[in-house]
């Protein structure tokens, strides 16, 4: 079986957010976007992370050391109302269709269109939620 093609995201640098279960969220983001796992914690912040009882998992779309960082704070109660959503623009129609197909295969409910009706119009967009109910908006990038 061939490995799935990496979804070519064109706009994000970078996003850090809290999750309740690192392994569950890690599996979700790797499966939906075929992300590369970059690092557990970070040499520059390891001491601070241990003191604050946080754990970080870094992931890359292939552009930077990390494009997404999932953080588990073992004392913090999760409040997903603190982040409304984040948006990813994918390279073209083929990439947009590929991530949509992955989301459907994962059984994710898909909300068609932009997250906010007043947002700049795009050719196509849809939204899904991760295991912690963070909204992810996927936008098809059109050639300019």
Protein backbone atom coordinates (compact mmCIF):
# COMPACT_ATOMS: atom_id res chain seq x y z
CA UNK A 1 0.00 0.00 0.00
CA UNK A 2 1.35 3.42 -0.95
CA UNK A 3 1.78 6.06 1.71
CA UNK A 4 -0.79 8.87 1.40
CA UNK A 5 0.43 12.07 -0.22
CA UNK A 6 1.23 14.91 2.16
CA UNK A 7 -1.43 17.65 2.03
CA UNK A 8 0.37 20.78 0.74
CA UNK A 9 -0.70 23.49 3.17
CA UNK A 10 0.39 26.93 1.98
CA UNK A 11 -0.38 29.25 4.90
CA UNK A 12 0.39 28.61 8.57
CA UNK A 13 3.39 29.44 10.66
CA UNK A 14 2.87 28.17 13.44
CA UNK A 15 0.04 27.32 15.83
CA UNK A 16 0.33 26.22 19.49
CA UNK A 17 -2.68 25.07 21.48
CA UNK A 18 -3.73 23.01 24.49
CA UNK A 19 -5.18 19.53 24.20
CA UNK A 20 -6.53 17.13 26.82
CA UNK A 21 -4.91 13.91 25.50
CA UNK A 22 -1.66 14.23 23.58
CA UNK A 23 -1.65 10.76 22.02
CA UNK A 24 -5.25 11.08 20.80
CA UNK A 25 -4.61 14.53 19.31
CA UNK A 26 -1.29 13.42 17.83
CA UNK A 27 -2.99 10.50 16.05
CA UNK A 28 -5.80 12.80 14.78
CA UNK A 29 -3.50 15.43 13.23
CA UNK A 30 -1.10 12.89 11.74
CA UNK A 31 -4.00 10.97 10.17
CA UNK A 32 -5.85 14.03 8.82
CA UNK A 33 -2.81 15.91 7.46
CA UNK A 34 0.01 13.30 7.36
CA UNK A 35 2.12 15.56 9.58
CA UNK A 36 5.71 14.71 10.47
CA UNK A 37 6.46 14.40 14.19
CA UNK A 38 9.32 16.88 14.88
CA UNK A 39 10.07 16.72 18.59
CA UNK A 40 8.83 15.98 22.07
CA UNK A 41 9.22 19.12 24.18
CA UNK A 42 12.06 21.32 22.97
CA UNK A 43 15.65 21.70 24.21
CA UNK A 44 15.18 25.45 24.71
CA UNK A 45 12.07 25.04 26.84
CA UNK A 46 12.44 21.63 28.51
CA UNK A 47 13.27 22.94 32.01
CA UNK A 48 10.42 25.45 31.91
CA UNK A 49 8.07 22.75 30.63
CA UNK A 50 8.96 20.40 33.48
CA UNK A 51 8.49 23.15 36.08
CA UNK A 52 5.08 24.10 34.73
CA UNK A 53 4.11 20.44 34.21
CA UNK A 54 3.53 20.90 30.51
CA UNK A 55 4.40 18.56 27.69
CA UNK A 56 4.74 19.63 24.07
CA UNK A 57 4.59 17.65 20.83
CA UNK A 58 5.82 19.44 17.70
CA UNK A 59 4.63 18.58 14.16
CA UNK A 60 5.59 19.79 10.71
CA UNK A 61 3.88 19.99 7.32
CA UNK A 62 7.42 19.86 5.91
CA UNK A 63 8.17 23.59 5.85
CA UNK A 64 9.49 24.39 9.35
CA UNK A 65 10.71 22.57 12.45
CA UNK A 66 7.14 22.89 13.70
CA UNK A 67 3.96 24.22 12.20
CA UNK A 68 1.68 22.88 14.91
CA UNK A 69 2.50 22.30 18.56
CA UNK A 70 0.14 20.40 20.87
CA UNK A 71 0.54 21.24 24.56
CA UNK A 72 -0.71 19.23 27.52
CA UNK A 73 -0.71 21.17 30.79
CA UNK A 74 -1.34 18.61 33.51
CA UNK A 75 -2.82 21.14 35.95
CA UNK A 76 -4.84 23.24 33.50
CA UNK A 77 -8.47 22.43 32.88
CA UNK A 78 -9.22 22.48 29.16
CA UNK A 79 -11.27 25.42 27.92
CA UNK A 80 -11.68 25.19 24.16
CA UNK A 81 -13.63 28.46 24.09
CA UNK A 82 -10.28 30.25 24.26
CA UNK A 83 -9.56 29.46 20.59
CA UNK A 84 -12.33 29.96 18.05
CA UNK A 85 -10.56 28.23 15.15
CA UNK A 86 -7.53 28.18 12.93
CA UNK A 87 -7.54 28.09 9.14
CA UNK A 88 -5.28 26.22 6.74
CA UNK A 89 -5.07 27.14 3.07
CA UNK A 90 -4.23 24.15 0.89
CA UNK A 91 -2.36 24.42 -2.40
CA UNK A 92 -5.05 23.56 -4.93
CA UNK A 93 -8.30 21.71 -5.68
CA UNK A 94 -6.59 18.31 -5.58
CA UNK A 95 -5.18 18.94 -2.10
CA UNK A 96 -8.54 20.30 -0.92
CA UNK A 97 -10.33 17.17 -2.17
CA UNK A 98 -7.68 14.93 -0.58
CA UNK A 99 -8.05 16.41 2.91
CA UNK A 100 -11.86 16.34 2.53
CA UNK A 101 -11.68 12.64 1.61
CA UNK A 102 -9.48 11.91 4.62
CA UNK A 103 -11.89 13.74 6.93
CA UNK A 104 -14.82 11.70 5.57
CA UNK A 105 -12.89 8.42 5.93
CA UNK A 106 -12.17 9.40 9.54
CA UNK A 107 -15.92 9.85 10.06
CA UNK A 108 -15.60 13.53 10.90
CA UNK A 109 -18.68 15.68 10.53
CA UNK A 110 -17.96 18.30 7.88
CA UNK A 111 -19.40 21.79 8.04
CA UNK A 112 -19.36 23.21 4.51
CA UNK A 113 -18.24 26.79 3.88
CA UNK A 114 -16.24 29.35 5.83
CA UNK A 115 -16.17 29.43 9.62
CA UNK A 116 -17.61 32.94 9.56
CA UNK A 117 -20.06 33.96 6.84
CA UNK A 118 -18.51 37.44 6.75
CA UNK A 119 -15.02 36.12 5.96
CA UNK A 120 -13.37 36.83 2.60
CA UNK A 121 -15.01 34.65 -0.06
CA UNK A 122 -13.00 31.69 -1.35
CA UNK A 123 -13.77 29.10 -4.01
CA UNK A 124 -14.31 26.28 -1.47
CA UNK A 125 -13.96 25.76 2.26
CA UNK A 126 -15.09 23.38 4.99
CA UNK A 127 -14.61 23.01 8.72
CA UNK A 128 -14.00 20.03 11.01
CA UNK A 129 -13.32 19.68 14.73
CA UNK A 130 -10.40 17.92 16.40
CA UNK A 131 -10.89 15.62 19.44
CA UNK A 132 -10.87 18.66 21.79
CA UNK A 133 -13.51 20.46 19.69
CA UNK A 134 -11.07 22.99 18.22
CA UNK A 135 -12.39 24.08 14.82
CA UNK A 136 -10.13 23.68 11.80
CA UNK A 137 -11.10 25.60 8.66
CA UNK A 138 -9.74 24.21 5.38
CA UNK A 139 -9.61 26.68 2.48
CA UNK A 140 -8.84 25.92 -1.16
CA UNK A 141 -6.13 28.28 -2.36
CA UNK A 142 -6.82 29.61 -5.83
CA UNK A 143 -4.08 30.59 -8.26
CA UNK A 144 -3.67 34.33 -8.51
